[in-house]
Amino acid sequence: MYDLITATSMGVRITPPFRQPVGIGNEYVMQSTSAESNVLNISASLGLKTKLLTAFVKDSPIAAFIRRDLARRGIESEGPEFDQGGPWGYRHQFNIADSGFGLRAPRVHNDRAGEVGRALKPEHFDLEKVFVRDGAKMMHFSGLFAALSPDTVQLCLSLAEKAKAHGTRISFDLNYRASFWKGREVELRDAFHRIASVSDVLIGNEEDYQLALGIQGPHAGGRDIDAQIDEFKDMIMEATKVYPQVKVFATTLREVYNANEHLWGAILYKDGKWHLAEPRTIQVLDRIGGGDGFVGGLLYGLLKGWDGEKCVQFGWATGAMAVTMLEDYASPADENQVWSVWQGNARVVR
């Protein structure tokens, strides 16, 4: 029985060292990456059993690197291999990103032409094996993968239907991206609504809820976090009317002072009660993956059966921890390390 599974399209991120901008130096560090694997990394690091449903390019050295890196992180993977089909065929996407510094913001360039994960379909997986013979306590979806192609839309819908039928809890991080939705608004709004309608956990910021699901809320940016909290709560209460079966709603709160310092908070609505991780200043080494870190910590807490207050605190801390890493994900050594982050305790542990 797996604790947490997800479907994703794996790629690699290359980052200049020492927080330099892309295009200036000639040295890069490479890591395997996807929003969904970032989420699983928290549970995998803390000893839960996790698996990715994904695709690989046959005989690709990048695919081999991704497989090894996932294994190092304690994340199992399963999925078909596709023949590359020549130099202009399939490949794993490249995410080219720097970390920014001070008032120079991070910049991200996605190179996704020929991305192998876009070709994944329901028939590439034995869903009876996934949900019956192996079994899973929770299935996590991200709107990034769901919106990747018409095929991945159908895969996510099939996975959600099967998960619901077999009692697997469903988590859905909306992750709206305008470039993925262009010209596909009707198709994707319907698909996202269908997944949200069977979800137990629904996560997103103000843009996600409004643009992916059509639920009105505060405008992004332009005001400080404290002024927006009540509006966030109103938005989530509207979402409870549309999706009454959802047991947990969550959103993060972020105000950017500069690339190295953010105000970071989170809101959770669980079992009819609000839980707030009050916004606090955190130091940022690399902001990419902070939201995934929050989701990963939240889902870990839910899998452990914790109450809402403990879940939002743990998610806040794993998100804050993720942005101290040059990688896109947090890899906590143990729960105590995460709780020390929440408590603001940075004393040396000997």
Protein backbone atom coordinates (compact mmCIF):
# COMPACT_ATOMS: atom_id res chain seq x y z
CA MET A 1 0.00 0.00 0.00
CA TYR A 2 1.39 3.38 -1.04
CA ASP A 3 0.82 6.38 1.18
CA LEU A 4 0.95 8.99 -1.59
CA ILE A 5 1.03 8.72 -5.38
CA THR A 6 0.86 11.24 -8.19
CA ALA A 7 1.01 11.57 -11.97
CA THR A 8 3.62 13.87 -13.45
CA SER A 9 5.90 14.75 -16.32
CA MET A 10 9.48 14.70 -15.10
CA GLY A 11 12.14 17.04 -16.41
CA VAL A 12 15.33 18.71 -15.27
CA ARG A 13 16.12 22.15 -13.97
CA ILE A 14 19.48 23.76 -14.69
CA THR A 15 20.54 26.66 -12.48
CA PRO A 16 23.63 28.90 -12.50
CA PRO A 17 25.58 28.56 -9.23
CA PHE A 18 26.09 31.40 -6.76
CA ARG A 19 22.70 32.98 -7.64
CA GLN A 20 23.98 34.33 -10.93
CA PRO A 21 21.55 35.17 -13.78
CA VAL A 22 20.90 32.79 -16.65
CA GLY A 23 22.94 33.75 -19.72
CA ILE A 24 25.86 35.33 -17.86
CA GLY A 25 28.03 32.40 -16.76
CA ASN A 26 28.79 29.06 -18.39
CA GLU A 27 28.31 26.73 -15.41
CA TYR A 28 25.01 25.12 -14.37
CA VAL A 29 23.81 22.67 -11.73
CA MET A 30 21.23 20.08 -12.84
CA GLN A 31 18.45 18.46 -10.80
CA SER A 32 15.38 16.37 -11.60
CA THR A 33 12.17 18.28 -11.12
CA SER A 34 8.40 18.54 -11.37
CA ALA A 35 5.84 20.23 -9.14
CA GLU A 36 4.31 16.88 -8.25
CA SER A 37 7.60 15.14 -7.34
CA ASN A 38 8.46 18.17 -5.19
CA VAL A 39 5.28 17.53 -3.20
CA LEU A 40 6.03 13.82 -2.73
CA ASN A 41 9.57 14.56 -1.56
CA ILE A 42 8.41 15.60 1.93
CA SER A 43 6.61 12.31 2.59
CA ALA A 44 9.39 10.27 0.97
CA SER A 45 12.05 11.98 3.10
CA LEU A 46 10.06 11.23 6.25
CA GLY A 47 9.65 7.54 5.52
CA LEU A 48 6.28 7.24 3.79
CA LYS A 49 5.87 5.10 0.68
CA THR A 50 5.47 7.19 -2.48
CA LYS A 51 5.25 6.63 -6.23
CA LEU A 52 5.18 8.68 -9.45
CA LEU A 53 3.22 7.65 -12.53
CA THR A 54 5.23 9.17 -15.36
CA ALA A 55 6.94 8.64 -18.72
CA PHE A 56 10.54 8.25 -19.81
CA VAL A 57 12.44 8.60 -23.09
CA LYS A 58 14.01 5.25 -23.95
CA ASP A 59 17.83 5.16 -23.81
CA SER A 60 18.00 8.83 -22.86
CA PRO A 61 20.80 9.82 -20.47
CA ILE A 62 18.49 12.48 -19.04
CA ALA A 63 15.87 9.81 -18.31
CA ALA A 64 18.55 7.70 -16.61
CA PHE A 65 19.59 10.70 -14.52
CA ILE A 66 15.95 11.32 -13.48
CA ARG A 67 15.42 7.66 -12.51
CA ARG A 68 18.58 7.64 -10.36
CA ASP A 69 17.72 10.95 -8.74
CA LEU A 70 14.20 9.84 -7.84
CA ALA A 71 15.57 6.62 -6.36
CA ARG A 72 18.07 8.65 -4.31
CA ARG A 73 15.14 10.69 -2.97
CA GLY A 74 13.17 7.56 -2.02
CA ILE A 75 10.47 8.05 -4.66
CA GLU A 76 9.43 5.05 -6.76
CA SER A 77 8.47 5.58 -10.40
CA GLU A 78 6.38 3.66 -12.90
CA GLY A 79 5.49 4.33 -16.51
CA PRO A 80 6.09 3.64 -20.17
CA GLU A 81 9.24 4.31 -22.16
CA PHE A 82 8.81 6.14 -25.47
CA ASP A 83 11.27 5.85 -28.33
CA GLN A 84 12.89 9.22 -28.89
CA GLY A 85 12.03 9.14 -32.58
CA GLY A 86 15.13 10.96 -33.76
CA PRO A 87 16.74 14.28 -32.80
CA TRP A 88 13.43 16.16 -33.16
CA GLY A 89 11.34 13.64 -31.23
CA TYR A 90 10.52 13.15 -27.56
CA ARG A 91 12.59 14.51 -24.69
CA HIS A 92 12.32 15.52 -21.05
CA GLN A 93 11.57 19.20 -20.52
CA PHE A 94 14.26 21.65 -19.40
CA ASN A 95 13.52 24.31 -16.82
CA ILE A 96 16.22 27.00 -16.99
CA ALA A 97 16.00 29.21 -13.92
CA ASP A 98 18.09 31.41 -11.67
CA SER A 99 17.48 32.22 -8.02
CA GLY A 100 17.59 36.01 -8.22
CA PHE A 101 19.29 38.16 -5.62
CA GLY A 102 18.16 41.25 -3.74
CA LEU A 103 16.09 43.44 -6.02
CA ARG A 104 16.95 41.28 -9.07
CA ALA A 105 14.00 38.89 -9.33
CA PRO A 106 14.37 35.22 -10.33
CA ARG A 107 13.74 34.45 -13.99
CA VAL A 108 12.44 31.16 -15.34
CA HIS A 109 12.54 29.91 -18.93
CA ASN A 110 10.63 26.71 -19.75
CA ASP A 111 11.80 24.68 -22.74
CA ARG A 112 9.09 22.03 -23.17
CA ALA A 113 9.01 21.26 -26.91
CA GLY A 114 8.61 17.51 -27.47
CA GLU A 115 7.96 16.86 -23.77
CA VAL A 116 7.45 13.12 -23.34
CA GLY A 117 4.98 13.46 -20.47
CA ARG A 118 2.46 15.17 -22.76
CA ALA A 119 1.90 11.81 -24.49
CA LEU A 120 0.70 9.94 -21.39
CA LYS A 121 -2.76 8.38 -21.66
CA PRO A 122 -4.95 6.24 -19.35
CA GLU A 123 -4.06 3.09 -21.29
CA HIS A 124 -0.39 3.45 -20.33
CA PHE A 125 -1.20 2.34 -16.76
CA ASP A 126 -2.91 -0.66 -15.20
CA LEU A 127 -5.36 1.24 -13.01
CA GLU A 128 -6.57 -1.93 -11.29
CA LYS A 129 -3.00 -2.57 -10.19
CA VAL A 130 -2.49 1.03 -9.08
CA PHE A 131 -5.64 1.30 -6.96
CA VAL A 132 -6.58 -2.30 -6.08
CA ARG A 133 -3.58 -4.63 -6.06
CA ASP A 134 -1.05 -2.02 -4.91
CA GLY A 135 -3.44 0.46 -3.33
CA ALA A 136 -2.91 4.08 -2.34
CA LYS A 137 -4.08 6.12 0.63
CA MET A 138 -3.95 9.40 -1.30
CA MET A 139 -3.62 10.52 -4.93
CA HIS A 140 -2.26 14.02 -5.58
CA PHE A 141 -2.97 16.03 -8.73
CA SER A 142 -1.46 19.28 -9.93
CA GLY A 143 -3.09 21.55 -12.49
CA LEU A 144 0.30 21.84 -14.20
CA PHE A 145 0.26 18.21 -15.28
CA ALA A 146 -3.50 18.04 -15.80
CA ALA A 147 -3.36 20.95 -18.26
CA LEU A 148 -0.24 19.78 -20.08
CA SER A 149 -2.10 18.25 -23.04
CA PRO A 150 -5.52 16.81 -23.97
CA ASP A 151 -4.06 13.36 -23.24
CA THR A 152 -2.93 14.26 -19.71
CA VAL A 153 -6.35 15.78 -19.07
CA GLN A 154 -7.96 12.42 -19.85
CA LEU A 155 -5.36 10.56 -17.78
CA CYS A 156 -6.05 12.73 -14.72
CA LEU A 157 -9.81 12.36 -15.12
CA SER A 158 -9.46 8.57 -15.33
CA LEU A 159 -7.14 8.47 -12.32
CA ALA A 160 -9.49 10.68 -10.29
CA GLU A 161 -12.51 8.53 -11.17
CA LYS A 162 -10.68 5.31 -10.26
CA ALA A 163 -9.26 6.77 -7.06
CA LYS A 164 -12.70 7.90 -5.94
CA ALA A 165 -14.23 4.50 -6.72
CA HIS A 166 -11.65 2.71 -4.56
CA GLY A 167 -11.66 5.04 -1.56
CA THR A 168 -8.33 6.73 -2.26
CA ARG A 169 -8.34 10.30 -0.95
CA ILE A 170 -7.73 12.93 -3.63
CA SER A 171 -5.67 16.10 -3.32
CA PHE A 172 -5.80 18.75 -6.07
CA ASP A 173 -3.40 21.71 -6.24
CA LEU A 174 -4.99 23.89 -8.94
CA ASN A 175 -1.72 25.47 -10.18
CA TYR A 176 -3.25 27.60 -12.94
CA ARG A 177 -0.88 28.62 -15.74
CA ALA A 178 -2.22 31.04 -18.37
CA SER A 179 0.12 29.77 -21.10
CA PHE A 180 -1.25 26.21 -20.70
CA TRP A 181 -4.87 27.41 -20.84
CA LYS A 182 -4.69 29.65 -23.91
CA GLY A 183 -7.35 28.51 -26.39
CA ARG A 184 -8.41 25.62 -24.11
CA GLU A 185 -10.42 27.45 -21.47
CA VAL A 186 -13.69 25.52 -21.94
CA GLU A 187 -11.97 22.12 -21.99
CA LEU A 188 -9.83 22.80 -18.95
CA ARG A 189 -12.45 24.58 -16.85
CA ASP A 190 -14.70 21.52 -17.26
CA ALA A 191 -11.87 19.08 -16.44
CA PHE A 192 -10.69 21.03 -13.39
CA HIS A 193 -14.27 21.25 -12.12
CA ARG A 194 -14.68 17.49 -12.50
CA ILE A 195 -11.48 16.74 -10.57
CA ALA A 196 -12.33 19.29 -7.87
CA SER A 197 -15.79 17.71 -7.57
CA VAL A 198 -14.29 14.42 -6.34
CA SER A 199 -11.41 15.90 -4.35
CA ASP A 200 -11.00 15.74 -0.58
CA VAL A 201 -8.28 18.42 -0.46
CA LEU A 202 -8.31 21.56 -2.64
CA ILE A 203 -5.32 23.91 -2.71
CA GLY A 204 -4.62 27.11 -4.59
CA ASN A 205 -3.96 30.83 -4.42
CA GLU A 206 -6.42 33.59 -5.32
CA GLU A 207 -5.60 33.34 -9.04
CA ASP A 208 -6.00 29.55 -9.05
CA TYR A 209 -9.47 29.52 -7.50
CA GLN A 210 -10.72 32.34 -9.72
CA LEU A 211 -9.22 31.45 -13.10
CA ALA A 212 -9.32 27.66 -12.85
CA LEU A 213 -12.69 27.28 -11.11
CA GLY A 214 -14.41 30.65 -11.55
CA ILE A 215 -14.74 31.34 -7.82
CA GLN A 216 -14.43 35.05 -7.08
CA GLY A 217 -11.81 36.24 -4.64
CA PRO A 218 -9.20 38.96 -3.97
CA HIS A 219 -7.06 40.35 -6.77
CA ALA A 220 -3.48 39.14 -6.80
CA GLY A 221 -0.94 41.62 -5.45
CA GLY A 222 -1.31 45.31 -4.76
CA ARG A 223 -2.04 45.03 -1.02
CA ASP A 224 -0.34 43.61 2.04
CA ILE A 225 -1.20 40.11 3.23
CA ASP A 226 -3.10 41.16 6.36
CA ALA A 227 -5.55 43.16 4.25
CA GLN A 228 -6.29 40.10 2.12
CA ILE A 229 -6.83 37.38 4.74
CA ASP A 230 -10.57 38.03 5.19
CA GLU A 231 -11.00 38.10 1.41
CA PHE A 232 -9.20 34.78 1.12
CA LYS A 233 -11.55 33.31 3.72
CA ASP A 234 -14.58 34.62 1.82
CA MET A 235 -13.24 33.03 -1.36
CA ILE A 236 -12.80 29.66 0.31
CA MET A 237 -16.29 29.83 1.82
CA GLU A 238 -17.65 30.36 -1.70
CA ALA A 239 -15.67 27.29 -2.79
CA THR A 240 -17.29 25.21 -0.03
CA LYS A 241 -20.70 25.90 -1.58
CA VAL A 242 -19.59 24.64 -5.00
CA TYR A 243 -17.54 21.70 -3.67
CA PRO A 244 -19.26 20.59 -0.43
CA GLN A 245 -17.50 17.22 -0.43
CA VAL A 246 -14.05 18.82 -0.05
CA LYS A 247 -12.87 18.36 3.54
CA VAL A 248 -9.78 20.58 3.44
CA PHE A 249 -9.20 23.89 1.66
CA ALA A 250 -5.84 25.62 1.74
CA THR A 251 -3.97 28.58 0.34
CA THR A 252 -0.58 30.13 0.97
CA LEU A 253 0.08 33.80 1.66
CA ARG A 254 3.19 35.49 0.31
CA GLU A 255 4.44 39.06 0.14
CA VAL A 256 7.80 39.56 -1.57
CA TYR A 257 10.13 42.13 -0.01
CA ASN A 258 13.03 41.10 -2.28
CA ALA A 259 14.48 37.89 -3.71
CA ASN A 260 16.05 37.05 -0.34
CA GLU A 261 13.22 37.89 2.04
CA HIS A 262 9.50 37.13 1.94
CA LEU A 263 6.53 37.35 4.27
CA TRP A 264 5.12 33.81 4.37
CA GLY A 265 1.84 32.50 5.78
CA ALA A 266 -0.95 30.00 5.11
CA ILE A 267 -4.68 29.48 5.67
CA LEU A 268 -6.38 26.13 6.18
CA TYR A 269 -10.10 25.35 6.46
CA LYS A 270 -10.67 21.87 7.89
CA ASP A 271 -13.64 20.29 9.65
CA GLY A 272 -15.49 23.61 9.70
CA LYS A 273 -12.65 25.45 11.46
CA TRP A 274 -10.11 28.03 10.29
CA HIS A 275 -6.42 27.56 10.99
CA LEU A 276 -3.97 30.35 10.24
CA ALA A 277 -0.20 30.26 10.09
CA GLU A 278 0.38 33.94 10.75
CA PRO A 279 2.59 35.56 8.07
CA ARG A 280 6.21 35.77 9.21
CA THR A 281 9.39 36.93 7.54
CA ILE A 282 11.48 34.11 6.10
CA GLN A 283 14.87 34.10 4.39
CA VAL A 284 14.93 32.82 0.83
CA LEU A 285 17.79 31.12 -0.97
CA ASP A 286 15.67 30.01 -3.95
CA ARG A 287 11.90 30.58 -3.96
CA ILE A 288 11.01 27.95 -6.57
CA GLY A 289 9.25 25.03 -4.91
CA GLY A 290 8.10 26.85 -1.77
CA GLY A 291 4.43 26.33 -2.60
CA ASP A 292 5.06 22.66 -3.37
CA GLY A 293 6.86 22.39 -0.04
CA PHE A 294 3.76 23.68 1.74
CA VAL A 295 1.53 21.18 -0.08
CA GLY A 296 3.93 18.34 0.70
CA GLY A 297 3.95 19.13 4.41
CA LEU A 298 0.17 19.57 4.50
CA LEU A 299 -0.43 16.19 2.84
CA TYR A 300 2.07 14.51 5.16
CA GLY A 301 0.14 15.87 8.14
CA LEU A 302 -3.17 14.70 6.71
CA LEU A 303 -1.76 11.23 6.07
CA LYS A 304 -0.56 11.13 9.68
CA GLY A 305 -4.05 12.04 10.88
CA TRP A 306 -3.10 15.36 12.47
CA ASP A 307 -5.56 18.12 13.29
CA GLY A 308 -5.85 21.26 11.14
CA GLU A 309 -3.65 23.45 13.32
CA LYS A 310 -0.78 20.99 13.27
CA CYS A 311 -1.16 20.39 9.50
CA VAL A 312 -0.98 24.08 8.57
CA GLN A 313 1.98 24.68 10.86
CA PHE A 314 3.89 21.73 9.42
CA GLY A 315 3.06 22.80 5.85
CA TRP A 316 4.16 26.36 6.58
CA ALA A 317 7.47 25.03 7.91
CA THR A 318 8.18 22.65 5.02
CA GLY A 319 7.41 25.48 2.58
CA ALA A 320 9.76 27.79 4.49
CA MET A 321 12.33 25.00 4.52
CA ALA A 322 12.07 24.37 0.77
CA VAL A 323 13.12 27.95 -0.05
CA THR A 324 16.34 27.47 1.93
CA MET A 325 17.36 24.77 -0.58
CA LEU A 326 18.99 25.22 -3.98
CA GLU A 327 16.87 22.26 -5.11
CA ASP A 328 13.14 22.75 -5.77
CA TYR A 329 12.10 20.67 -2.78
CA ALA A 330 12.65 20.22 0.93
CA SER A 331 14.26 17.02 2.21
CA PRO A 332 13.74 17.11 5.98
CA ALA A 333 15.92 14.78 8.02
CA ASP A 334 13.08 14.16 10.47
CA GLU A 335 9.93 15.77 11.87
CA ASN A 336 11.90 17.53 14.61
CA GLN A 337 13.86 19.48 12.02
CA VAL A 338 10.59 20.75 10.52
CA TRP A 339 9.17 21.72 13.91
CA SER A 340 12.36 23.63 14.69
CA VAL A 341 11.71 25.70 11.55
CA TRP A 342 8.16 26.41 12.74
CA GLN A 343 9.45 27.41 16.18
CA GLY A 344 12.10 29.69 14.71
CA ASN A 345 14.79 27.64 16.39
CA ALA A 346 17.99 27.76 14.31
CA ARG A 347 20.35 26.69 17.07
CA VAL A 348 22.98 24.10 16.20
CA VAL A 349 21.87 20.49 16.78
CA ARG A 350 24.80 18.41 18.03
